[in-house]
Protein backbone atom coordinates (compact mmCIF):
# COMPACT_ATOMS: atom_id res chain seq x y z
CA UNK A 1 -105.68 72.95 -278.64
CA UNK A 2 -104.58 69.25 -278.99
CA UNK A 3 -100.39 69.31 -280.20
CA UNK A 4 -99.27 66.11 -281.53
CA UNK A 5 -98.28 63.41 -279.44
CA UNK A 6 -99.49 65.32 -276.49
CA UNK A 7 -102.58 62.89 -275.00
CA UNK A 8 -103.01 59.00 -275.09
CA UNK A 9 -105.60 58.84 -278.14
CA UNK A 10 -103.27 60.42 -280.60
CA UNK A 11 -100.73 58.04 -279.06
CA UNK A 12 -102.45 55.73 -280.19
CA UNK A 13 -103.81 57.22 -283.07
CA UNK A 14 -99.63 56.86 -283.89
CA UNK A 15 -99.86 52.94 -283.02
CA UNK A 16 -98.77 52.91 -279.32
CA UNK A 17 -99.41 49.94 -277.11
CA UNK A 18 -102.67 50.56 -274.87
CA UNK A 19 -100.52 51.03 -271.60
CA UNK A 20 -97.53 52.55 -272.97
CA UNK A 21 -99.90 55.28 -274.51
CA UNK A 22 -102.03 55.43 -270.87
CA UNK A 23 -98.55 55.69 -269.28
CA UNK A 24 -101.10 55.54 -265.97
CA UNK A 25 -103.65 52.74 -264.69
CA UNK A 26 -105.61 55.00 -261.92
CA UNK A 27 -108.98 55.93 -263.06
CA UNK A 28 -108.67 59.61 -264.45
CA UNK A 29 -106.37 58.11 -266.87
CA UNK A 30 -109.17 56.34 -268.38
CA UNK A 31 -111.74 58.71 -268.07
CA UNK A 32 -109.61 61.20 -269.87
CA UNK A 33 -108.74 59.01 -272.79
CA UNK A 34 -112.63 58.67 -273.38
CA UNK A 35 -113.51 62.26 -273.75
CA UNK A 36 -109.49 62.94 -276.05
CA UNK A 37 -110.63 60.43 -278.46
CA UNK A 38 -113.57 62.41 -279.65
CA UNK A 39 -110.77 65.18 -279.99
CA UNK A 40 -108.61 63.70 -282.16
CA UNK A 41 -108.82 65.22 -285.13
CA UNK A 42 -109.12 62.52 -287.67
CA UNK A 43 -106.99 63.73 -290.80
CA UNK A 44 -103.83 64.70 -288.42
CA UNK A 45 -100.59 64.18 -289.78
CA UNK A 46 -99.99 62.26 -286.16
CA UNK A 47 -103.11 60.02 -287.00
CA UNK A 48 -100.84 58.50 -289.96
CA UNK A 49 -104.06 58.07 -291.75
CA UNK A 50 -105.20 54.72 -289.48
CA UNK A 51 -108.39 54.38 -288.80
CA UNK A 52 -109.98 55.15 -285.47
CA UNK A 53 -112.14 52.20 -285.73
CA UNK A 54 -109.24 49.82 -286.19
CA UNK A 55 -107.65 50.93 -283.10
CA UNK A 56 -110.18 48.55 -280.64
CA UNK A 57 -109.42 51.16 -277.22
CA UNK A 58 -110.10 54.06 -279.30
CA UNK A 59 -113.13 52.11 -281.31
CA UNK A 60 -115.07 52.08 -277.66
CA UNK A 61 -114.43 55.41 -277.61
CA UNK A 62 -115.27 56.64 -281.02
CA UNK A 63 -117.38 59.35 -281.28
CA UNK A 64 -119.76 57.31 -283.57
CA UNK A 65 -122.20 55.07 -281.57
CA UNK A 66 -122.62 52.19 -283.89
CA UNK A 67 -118.81 51.82 -283.50
CA UNK A 68 -118.66 52.06 -279.88
CA UNK A 69 -121.08 48.85 -280.46
CA UNK A 70 -119.52 47.00 -282.58
CA UNK A 71 -116.18 47.41 -280.59
CA UNK A 72 -118.00 45.88 -277.64
CA UNK A 73 -117.35 42.61 -278.96
CA UNK A 74 -113.61 42.55 -278.93
CA UNK A 75 -113.23 42.98 -275.74
CA UNK A 76 -113.81 38.86 -274.44
CA UNK A 77 -110.19 37.77 -274.16
CA UNK A 78 -109.28 41.44 -273.87
CA UNK A 79 -108.84 42.19 -270.30
CA UNK A 80 -107.15 45.21 -270.63
CA UNK A 81 -109.81 46.55 -272.11
CA UNK A 82 -112.30 46.00 -269.76
CA UNK A 83 -111.70 49.52 -267.60
CA UNK A 84 -113.19 50.82 -270.98
CA UNK A 85 -116.19 48.46 -271.18
CA UNK A 86 -116.98 49.63 -267.70
CA UNK A 87 -117.30 53.66 -269.19
CA UNK A 88 -119.60 52.28 -271.42
CA UNK A 89 -121.98 50.86 -268.90
CA UNK A 90 -122.67 54.24 -268.38
CA UNK A 91 -122.97 55.63 -272.15
CA UNK A 92 -125.33 57.97 -273.19
CA UNK A 93 -125.99 55.90 -276.26
CA UNK A 94 -129.17 52.91 -275.41
CA UNK A 95 -128.16 50.38 -277.46
CA UNK A 96 -124.47 50.63 -276.49
CA UNK A 97 -124.85 50.69 -272.80
CA UNK A 98 -127.36 48.44 -272.97
CA UNK A 99 -125.31 46.05 -274.56
CA UNK A 100 -121.86 46.52 -272.27
CA UNK A 101 -124.06 46.52 -269.27
CA UNK A 102 -124.82 42.22 -270.81
CA UNK A 103 -121.52 41.70 -271.25
CA UNK A 104 -119.76 43.16 -268.15
CA UNK A 105 -120.88 40.93 -265.28
CA UNK A 106 -120.04 37.86 -267.76
CA UNK A 107 -116.35 39.27 -268.27
CA UNK A 108 -115.53 40.18 -264.55
CA UNK A 109 -116.75 36.84 -263.43
CA UNK A 110 -113.03 35.74 -265.25
CA UNK A 111 -111.39 38.35 -263.93
CA UNK A 112 -107.94 38.13 -261.77
CA UNK A 113 -108.58 39.40 -258.64
CA UNK A 114 -105.18 41.56 -259.06
CA UNK A 115 -107.24 43.65 -261.94
CA UNK A 116 -109.67 44.05 -260.17
CA UNK A 117 -107.60 46.69 -257.71
CA UNK A 118 -107.67 49.49 -260.70
CA UNK A 119 -110.90 48.77 -261.98
CA UNK A 120 -112.59 48.86 -259.02
CA UNK A 121 -111.10 52.69 -258.53
CA UNK A 122 -112.05 53.53 -261.86
CA UNK A 123 -116.15 52.32 -260.83
CA UNK A 124 -116.10 53.93 -258.05
CA UNK A 125 -115.30 57.10 -259.90
CA UNK A 126 -117.56 56.39 -262.55
CA UNK A 127 -120.37 55.51 -260.12
CA UNK A 128 -120.27 59.44 -259.59
CA UNK A 129 -122.24 60.07 -262.97
CA UNK A 130 -125.54 60.12 -264.23
CA UNK A 131 -125.50 56.23 -265.55
CA UNK A 132 -122.97 54.78 -263.76
CA UNK A 133 -124.08 53.11 -260.68
CA UNK A 134 -124.77 49.79 -262.50
CA UNK A 135 -120.95 49.27 -262.86
CA UNK A 136 -120.63 49.36 -259.15
CA UNK A 137 -123.52 47.13 -258.68
CA UNK A 138 -122.68 44.57 -260.72
CA UNK A 139 -119.04 44.68 -259.00
CA UNK A 140 -120.72 44.57 -255.41
CA UNK A 141 -122.68 41.11 -256.56
CA UNK A 142 -119.06 39.44 -257.84
CA UNK A 143 -118.17 40.58 -254.71
CA UNK A 144 -120.74 39.74 -252.43
CA UNK A 145 -119.95 35.88 -253.95
CA UNK A 146 -116.56 35.88 -254.83
CA UNK A 147 -114.08 33.76 -252.01
CA UNK A 148 -112.57 35.89 -249.81
CA UNK A 149 -109.07 36.15 -251.11
CA UNK A 150 -110.60 37.98 -253.68
CA UNK A 151 -110.85 41.18 -251.86
CA UNK A 152 -107.16 40.65 -250.34
CA UNK A 153 -105.78 42.73 -253.43
CA UNK A 154 -108.61 45.67 -252.64
CA UNK A 155 -108.41 45.60 -248.96
CA UNK A 156 -104.64 46.83 -249.41
CA UNK A 157 -105.80 49.08 -252.70
CA UNK A 158 -103.32 52.31 -252.44
CA UNK A 159 -107.32 54.11 -253.52
CA UNK A 160 -108.73 55.05 -250.12
CA UNK A 161 -112.78 54.56 -252.42
CA UNK A 162 -111.34 51.17 -253.04
CA UNK A 163 -110.10 50.36 -249.61
CA UNK A 164 -113.26 51.67 -248.06
CA UNK A 165 -115.76 50.14 -250.92
CA UNK A 166 -113.67 46.36 -249.30
CA UNK A 167 -113.47 46.85 -246.00
CA UNK A 168 -117.49 47.54 -246.30
CA UNK A 169 -118.10 44.47 -247.96
CA UNK A 170 -115.78 42.19 -246.00
CA UNK A 171 -117.80 43.72 -242.48
CA UNK A 172 -120.77 43.46 -243.94
CA UNK A 173 -119.46 39.50 -245.02
CA UNK A 174 -118.40 39.01 -241.71
CA UNK A 175 -114.85 37.30 -243.39
CA UNK A 176 -112.35 39.56 -241.55
CA UNK A 177 -111.73 38.11 -237.48
CA UNK A 178 -112.03 40.93 -234.60
CA UNK A 179 -107.83 41.18 -233.90
CA UNK A 180 -107.24 41.96 -237.85
CA UNK A 181 -110.04 44.53 -237.75
CA UNK A 182 -108.20 46.09 -234.80
CA UNK A 183 -104.59 46.20 -236.81
CA UNK A 184 -106.35 48.13 -239.95
CA UNK A 185 -108.12 50.45 -237.36
CA UNK A 186 -104.40 51.13 -236.01
CA UNK A 187 -102.60 51.72 -239.02
CA UNK A 188 -104.68 52.39 -242.01
CA UNK A 189 -105.19 56.09 -242.86
CA UNK A 190 -108.11 56.49 -243.65
CA UNK A 191 -110.70 58.14 -241.26
CA UNK A 192 -113.35 56.11 -242.41
CA UNK A 193 -111.92 52.79 -242.89
CA UNK A 194 -110.48 52.88 -239.53
CA UNK A 195 -114.09 53.33 -238.02
CA UNK A 196 -115.65 51.34 -239.94
CA UNK A 197 -113.07 48.52 -238.75
CA UNK A 198 -112.60 49.71 -235.13
CA UNK A 199 -116.51 49.49 -234.81
CA UNK A 200 -116.69 46.35 -236.22
CA UNK A 201 -113.68 44.58 -234.26
CA UNK A 202 -115.53 46.54 -230.87
CA UNK A 203 -119.22 44.72 -231.96
CA UNK A 204 -117.56 41.21 -232.54
CA UNK A 205 -117.26 41.32 -228.75
CA UNK A 206 -114.01 40.24 -227.86
CA UNK A 207 -112.02 42.46 -225.49
CA UNK A 208 -108.20 40.51 -224.95
CA UNK A 209 -104.86 42.11 -225.67
CA UNK A 210 -105.30 41.02 -229.44
CA UNK A 211 -108.38 44.00 -229.94
CA UNK A 212 -107.50 46.51 -227.24
CA UNK A 213 -103.34 46.69 -227.65
CA UNK A 214 -103.74 47.85 -231.67
CA UNK A 215 -106.17 50.21 -230.39
CA UNK A 216 -104.87 51.72 -227.30
CA UNK A 217 -100.88 52.22 -229.16
CA UNK A 218 -102.48 53.85 -232.59
CA UNK A 219 -101.29 57.18 -233.69
CA UNK A 220 -105.19 57.86 -234.85
CA UNK A 221 -107.33 59.69 -232.04
CA UNK A 222 -110.25 57.91 -233.24
CA UNK A 223 -109.05 54.83 -232.97
CA UNK A 224 -107.08 54.84 -229.78
CA UNK A 225 -110.29 56.44 -228.14
CA UNK A 226 -112.07 53.27 -229.22
CA UNK A 227 -109.40 51.03 -227.65
CA UNK A 228 -110.22 53.26 -224.39
CA UNK A 229 -114.15 52.86 -224.53
CA UNK A 230 -114.13 49.66 -224.67
CA UNK A 231 -111.64 49.13 -221.71
CA UNK A 232 -115.38 49.89 -219.52
CA UNK A 233 -116.97 46.61 -221.14
CA UNK A 234 -113.28 44.82 -220.29
CA UNK A 235 -113.92 45.50 -216.44
CA UNK A 236 -109.86 47.39 -216.66
CA UNK A 237 -111.59 50.80 -215.66
CA UNK A 238 -107.97 51.29 -213.81
CA UNK A 239 -106.30 50.82 -217.31
CA UNK A 240 -107.61 53.84 -218.26
CA UNK A 241 -106.18 56.39 -216.20
CA UNK A 242 -102.56 57.11 -218.36
CA UNK A 243 -104.85 58.25 -221.26
CA UNK A 244 -106.24 61.36 -218.50
CA UNK A 245 -103.39 62.83 -220.46
CA UNK A 246 -103.50 61.96 -223.82
CA UNK A 247 -103.07 64.86 -226.22
CA UNK A 248 -106.40 64.46 -227.86
CA UNK A 249 -109.64 66.05 -226.41
CA UNK A 250 -111.59 62.99 -227.46
CA UNK A 251 -109.09 60.35 -225.92
CA UNK A 252 -109.43 62.66 -222.51
CA UNK A 253 -112.92 62.73 -222.38
CA UNK A 254 -113.42 58.58 -223.25
CA UNK A 255 -110.78 57.93 -220.21
CA UNK A 256 -113.14 60.10 -217.83
CA UNK A 257 -116.30 58.19 -218.84
CA UNK A 258 -114.66 54.95 -218.58
CA UNK A 259 -112.56 55.80 -215.01
CA UNK A 260 -116.16 57.26 -213.22
CA UNK A 261 -117.80 54.03 -215.12
CA UNK A 262 -115.59 52.29 -212.40
CA UNK A 263 -116.37 54.40 -209.60
CA UNK A 264 -113.35 56.64 -209.41
CA UNK A 265 -113.87 60.62 -210.31
CA UNK A 266 -111.15 62.06 -212.44
CA UNK A 267 -111.00 65.39 -211.21
CA UNK A 268 -108.45 64.36 -208.16
CA UNK A 269 -106.47 62.89 -209.98
CA UNK A 270 -105.62 65.61 -212.13
CA UNK A 271 -105.62 68.18 -209.38
CA UNK A 272 -103.26 65.73 -207.97
CA UNK A 273 -100.65 66.20 -211.50
CA UNK A 274 -101.02 69.75 -211.08
CA UNK A 275 -100.17 70.56 -207.55
CA UNK A 276 -96.68 70.63 -207.89
CA UNK A 277 -95.15 73.60 -209.92
CA UNK A 278 -91.89 72.55 -209.76
CA UNK A 279 -92.10 69.33 -210.96
CA UNK A 280 -90.80 68.17 -214.51
CA UNK A 281 -92.48 65.47 -214.56
CA UNK A 282 -95.91 67.01 -214.75
CA UNK A 283 -97.93 65.19 -218.12
CA UNK A 284 -97.88 67.83 -220.93
CA UNK A 285 -101.79 67.38 -221.55
CA UNK A 286 -102.05 67.71 -217.65
CA UNK A 287 -103.25 71.79 -217.29
CA UNK A 288 -105.71 71.17 -220.20
CA UNK A 289 -107.53 68.06 -218.96
CA UNK A 290 -107.71 69.57 -215.47
CA UNK A 291 -109.54 72.59 -217.25
CA UNK A 292 -111.50 70.35 -219.11
CA UNK A 293 -112.90 68.22 -216.29
CA UNK A 294 -112.34 71.29 -213.00
CA UNK A 295 -113.81 74.31 -211.57
CA UNK A 296 -113.09 78.26 -212.01
CA UNK A 297 -111.08 78.01 -208.44
CA UNK A 298 -108.69 75.27 -210.17
CA UNK A 299 -107.20 78.66 -211.98
CA UNK A 300 -105.04 78.59 -208.88
CA UNK A 301 -103.25 75.39 -209.78
CA UNK A 302 -102.76 76.29 -213.09
CA UNK A 303 -101.57 79.81 -212.76
CA UNK A 304 -97.71 78.74 -211.65
CA UNK A 305 -97.55 76.70 -214.29
CA UNK A 306 -97.52 79.14 -216.63
CA UNK A 307 -93.91 79.55 -215.67
CA UNK A 308 -92.70 75.45 -215.65
CA UNK A 309 -89.47 74.73 -216.87
CA UNK A 310 -91.00 72.81 -219.89
CA UNK A 311 -92.52 74.75 -222.90
CA UNK A 312 -95.37 72.21 -223.41
CA UNK A 313 -97.03 72.99 -219.70
CA UNK A 314 -96.76 76.30 -220.12
CA UNK A 315 -98.59 76.27 -223.18
CA UNK A 316 -101.19 73.81 -221.72
CA UNK A 317 -101.52 75.98 -218.68
CA UNK A 318 -102.23 79.00 -220.87
CA UNK A 319 -104.95 76.91 -223.01
CA UNK A 320 -106.90 76.00 -219.48
CA UNK A 321 -107.04 79.05 -217.83
CA UNK A 322 -108.22 80.37 -220.84
CA UNK A 323 -111.16 77.40 -220.85
CA UNK A 324 -112.30 78.31 -217.84
CA UNK A 325 -112.31 81.99 -217.87
CA UNK A 326 -109.49 83.28 -216.04
CA UNK A 327 -107.67 85.65 -218.40
CA UNK A 328 -105.72 88.02 -216.56
CA UNK A 329 -103.87 90.32 -218.84
CA UNK A 330 -101.01 91.51 -217.28
CA UNK A 331 -100.74 87.97 -216.21
CA UNK A 332 -100.28 87.02 -219.75
CA UNK A 333 -99.14 90.08 -221.38
CA UNK A 334 -95.29 88.30 -220.34
CA UNK A 335 -96.21 85.49 -221.98
CA UNK A 336 -95.56 87.02 -225.40
CA UNK A 337 -92.07 87.23 -225.04
CA UNK A 338 -92.40 83.17 -224.33
CA UNK A 339 -89.37 82.00 -226.15
CA UNK A 340 -91.77 78.93 -226.71
CA UNK A 341 -93.52 78.92 -230.05
CA UNK A 342 -96.76 77.40 -228.96
CA UNK A 343 -97.08 79.48 -225.34
CA UNK A 344 -96.62 82.23 -227.82
CA UNK A 345 -99.69 81.17 -229.81
CA UNK A 346 -101.64 80.33 -226.51
CA UNK A 347 -101.69 83.63 -224.87
CA UNK A 348 -102.36 85.74 -228.10
CA UNK A 349 -105.34 83.45 -228.61
CA UNK A 350 -106.16 84.03 -224.47
CA UNK A 351 -105.86 87.46 -225.06
CA UNK A 352 -107.76 87.90 -228.69
CA UNK A 353 -111.17 89.58 -226.87
CA UNK A 354 -109.62 91.77 -224.89
CA UNK A 355 -107.08 92.82 -227.64
CA UNK A 356 -108.22 96.62 -227.36
CA UNK A 357 -107.11 96.68 -224.19
CA UNK A 358 -103.51 96.38 -224.66
CA UNK A 359 -101.30 99.13 -225.12
CA UNK A 360 -101.04 99.75 -229.25
CA UNK A 361 -97.63 100.76 -228.61
CA UNK A 362 -96.18 97.58 -226.55
CA UNK A 363 -97.83 95.23 -229.47
CA UNK A 364 -96.38 97.67 -232.35
CA UNK A 365 -93.13 97.96 -230.56
CA UNK A 366 -92.57 93.53 -230.68
CA UNK A 367 -94.07 93.47 -234.52
CA UNK A 368 -90.83 95.96 -235.19
CA UNK A 369 -87.97 95.28 -232.75
CA UNK A 370 -85.17 93.35 -234.86
CA UNK A 371 -84.68 91.11 -231.41
CA UNK A 372 -88.16 90.31 -231.76
CA UNK A 373 -88.04 86.00 -232.45
CA UNK A 374 -90.67 85.20 -235.32
CA UNK A 375 -93.12 83.72 -232.98
CA UNK A 376 -93.37 86.98 -230.92
CA UNK A 377 -93.60 89.01 -233.96
CA UNK A 378 -96.98 86.95 -235.02
CA UNK A 379 -98.35 86.99 -232.04
CA UNK A 380 -98.37 90.81 -231.83
CA UNK A 381 -99.39 90.80 -235.47
CA UNK A 382 -102.95 88.85 -234.33
CA UNK A 383 -103.30 91.16 -231.23
CA UNK A 384 -102.98 94.69 -233.79
CA UNK A 385 -105.34 92.93 -236.57
CA UNK A 386 -107.93 91.95 -233.96
CA UNK A 387 -107.69 95.98 -232.68
CA UNK A 388 -108.37 96.34 -236.42
CA UNK A 389 -108.60 100.78 -238.09
CA UNK A 390 -105.42 102.27 -238.18
CA UNK A 391 -103.43 99.81 -235.95
CA UNK A 392 -104.35 96.91 -238.24
CA UNK A 393 -103.35 98.98 -241.54
CA UNK A 394 -100.13 99.84 -239.14
CA UNK A 395 -98.93 96.57 -238.18
CA UNK A 396 -99.85 95.15 -241.41
CA UNK A 397 -97.67 98.07 -243.41
CA UNK A 398 -94.88 97.11 -241.17
CA UNK A 399 -94.59 93.22 -242.18
CA UNK A 400 -94.67 94.13 -245.81
CA UNK A 401 -91.11 94.13 -245.51
CA UNK A 402 -90.93 91.80 -242.42
CA UNK A 403 -87.25 89.96 -242.74
CA UNK A 404 -89.51 86.58 -241.84
CA UNK A 405 -91.70 85.31 -245.42
CA UNK A 406 -94.03 83.60 -243.74
CA UNK A 407 -94.70 86.72 -241.79
CA UNK A 408 -94.68 89.21 -245.40
CA UNK A 409 -97.54 86.98 -246.93
CA UNK A 410 -99.75 87.85 -243.87
CA UNK A 411 -99.71 91.64 -244.87
CA UNK A 412 -100.59 91.85 -248.76
CA UNK A 413 -104.07 89.59 -247.58
CA UNK A 414 -104.71 91.37 -244.29
CA UNK A 415 -104.38 94.72 -246.17
CA UNK A 416 -106.28 94.23 -248.67
CA UNK A 417 -108.98 92.43 -246.36
CA UNK A 418 -108.68 96.30 -244.56
CA UNK A 419 -111.85 98.12 -243.51
CA UNK A 420 -111.55 102.15 -242.90
CA UNK A 421 -112.41 102.75 -239.53
CA UNK A 422 -115.75 104.20 -238.94
CA UNK A 423 -116.19 107.53 -236.62
CA UNK A 424 -112.85 106.95 -234.84
CA UNK A 425 -110.89 109.53 -234.62
CA UNK A 426 -107.50 109.08 -236.69
CA UNK A 427 -104.73 111.26 -238.45
CA UNK A 428 -105.36 111.47 -241.88
CA UNK A 429 -101.96 112.13 -243.12
CA UNK A 430 -100.72 109.07 -241.21
CA UNK A 431 -103.66 107.38 -242.47
CA UNK A 432 -102.63 108.68 -246.17
CA UNK A 433 -99.16 107.46 -246.09
CA UNK A 434 -99.58 104.03 -244.97
CA UNK A 435 -101.72 103.28 -247.93
CA UNK A 436 -99.58 105.14 -250.32
CA UNK A 437 -96.98 102.23 -249.16
CA UNK A 438 -99.41 99.57 -250.11
CA UNK A 439 -100.58 100.81 -254.02
CA UNK A 440 -98.74 97.51 -255.42
CA UNK A 441 -101.36 95.36 -253.86
CA UNK A 442 -104.52 97.60 -255.18
CA UNK A 443 -105.54 98.22 -258.31
CA UNK A 444 -106.37 101.99 -258.99
CA UNK A 445 -109.84 101.63 -258.79
CA UNK A 446 -110.19 99.90 -255.86
CA UNK A 447 -107.58 102.43 -254.26
CA UNK A 448 -109.60 105.22 -254.83
CA UNK A 449 -112.60 103.48 -253.69
CA UNK A 450 -110.70 103.01 -250.47
CA UNK A 451 -109.30 106.07 -250.09
CA UNK A 452 -112.52 107.43 -250.37
CA UNK A 453 -114.14 105.34 -247.68
CA UNK A 454 -111.50 105.89 -245.66
CA UNK A 455 -112.04 110.14 -245.76
CA UNK A 456 -109.44 110.77 -247.89
CA UNK A 457 -109.61 112.80 -251.12
CA UNK A 458 -107.97 111.35 -254.13
CA UNK A 459 -103.96 111.36 -254.48
CA UNK A 460 -103.14 114.62 -256.19
CA UNK A 461 -102.26 113.85 -259.87
CA UNK A 462 -99.18 115.48 -260.92
CA UNK A 463 -98.33 118.81 -262.36
CA UNK A 464 -99.82 119.17 -266.12
CA UNK A 465 -101.38 115.43 -265.21
CA UNK A 466 -105.13 116.00 -266.65
CA UNK A 467 -108.11 113.75 -264.94
CA UNK A 468 -111.13 112.68 -266.86
CA UNK A 469 -113.06 115.98 -266.00
CA UNK A 470 -110.15 117.63 -268.28
CA UNK A 471 -108.70 119.69 -265.91
CA UNK A 472 -105.02 119.54 -264.14
CA UNK A 473 -104.39 117.87 -260.49
CA UNK A 474 -108.37 118.01 -259.71
CA UNK A 475 -108.80 117.03 -255.92
CA UNK A 476 -112.04 115.29 -254.68
CA UNK A 477 -113.74 116.56 -251.80
CA UNK A 478 -113.54 113.98 -248.92
CA UNK A 479 -117.40 111.86 -249.53
CA UNK A 480 -117.71 112.43 -253.16
CA UNK A 481 -117.52 109.67 -255.30
CA UNK A 482 -114.06 108.76 -256.50
CA UNK A 483 -113.59 110.07 -260.00
CA UNK A 484 -112.35 106.96 -262.12
CA UNK A 485 -109.65 106.66 -264.03
CA UNK A 486 -109.13 109.01 -267.24
CA UNK A 487 -108.52 105.28 -270.20
CA UNK A 488 -110.62 102.91 -267.64
CA UNK A 489 -114.52 102.75 -269.06
CA UNK A 490 -115.64 99.78 -266.88
CA UNK A 491 -115.49 101.37 -263.94
CA UNK A 492 -117.94 104.43 -265.59
CA UNK A 493 -120.23 101.92 -267.05
CA UNK A 494 -120.48 100.19 -263.65
CA UNK A 495 -121.80 103.88 -261.70
CA UNK A 496 -124.01 103.73 -265.32
CA UNK A 497 -125.57 100.91 -264.07
CA UNK A 498 -125.69 101.44 -260.82
CA UNK A 499 -127.31 105.12 -261.27
CA UNK A 500 -129.92 103.39 -263.65
CA UNK A 501 -130.88 100.46 -260.92
CA UNK A 502 -131.28 103.07 -258.25
CA UNK A 503 -133.86 105.18 -260.14
CA UNK A 504 -135.64 101.88 -261.12
CA UNK A 505 -135.88 100.77 -256.96
CA UNK A 506 -137.31 104.41 -256.32
CA UNK A 507 -139.48 104.44 -259.04
CA UNK A 508 -140.51 100.95 -258.41
CA UNK A 509 -141.59 101.36 -254.22
CA UNK A 510 -143.08 105.16 -255.21
């Protein structure tokens, strides 16, 4: 239900100006106005008895197609109404749609370049709708022949879709030099624009510093990888060596490729970088790069680095050992207590496939010890959860009262997703106690189902409380279907429906 003055359409009915009533010029605001205008009550007090057909913006959104078609003639000379004309080109009424499509190319030709920025964003959003492609084609046709200066505001538009559209047209027309494309590939925050500009810059052929330097210094891996790759074409294979230890795996792979194309093998370089475990100047990503192109015997260089004084080197050494398939439980276990969160995280990741071989008590102690840092408790929880069964439930229940809110937030979903152990040996009394500590996370029916699947009886009722069968304090046998709450008819109906379906399936298959 609309409230008085709550929408742009109602503010227009009160006599407010279009831009003031709209409050924003993003595409969604115009599309919402189009929808809201048809919901304004014609006799509402906030309308002040104004005829909506006399307000041009509301007339263009009127529910009567004849009013909308007549209002199209008022758009000429009023550029603020162009967005609503664009919307009418996708109108469900054929006459309205046809007239709007006749007017749009003519009025677009006289629009200022700055006006095209929000208009293009709306056009691209509208193109997702049925019959909405016409406006996009009209704008594209205009920009295909427009002066290069007309594209400049669009190239810097805040809307990502608009920037993609404008850069695509600029590249197609060949309006941007390679250096300009490289600068855009370096700095733009949209991956599609970066990739488009990087590929276009390299396709133009120049490999000078005005193209290479912006790409190589970019903080985005896709731009850096493009810059490293073009070093081969520039004949500067040796310049790829510093990128062997880049933080991006894609860039490291491109650097290895360029070096090999120049006749140099990257593996000896990695081995030399990781040879001295006491060297504090080892690049942080060198151990992982060694594992990416090394051999299993290179693990002998990585094991000493797990005790390196620099935490980032220790973490990448553990990741490299996992990549090489060299996981030693006894040597990795102590790294769960590493003071660096990255090291503990990598150690837990490496140990996950063998979580059931780690002592449960040892992990639980790290989860519950008051002095254990948060990242150690998180690593222990990941491993306990990987064990499944009662061990997972113990760990999740223990985290319900953890002092760290981020860890407490992990406990509830883990308990709600917990699956009871099948065929394992567990203490029913302990399992009953654990489930009793988290009853607030389940509805009564779900909890009864969970207890039944775990082989536990329904929780005994208090004295004098009667169940659905009219008997006080009854406890079903383990494995029996759970009794439904006395005042809940929906679960009982579901059981009846399931029984009917099963009977029908048996008759069908007979």
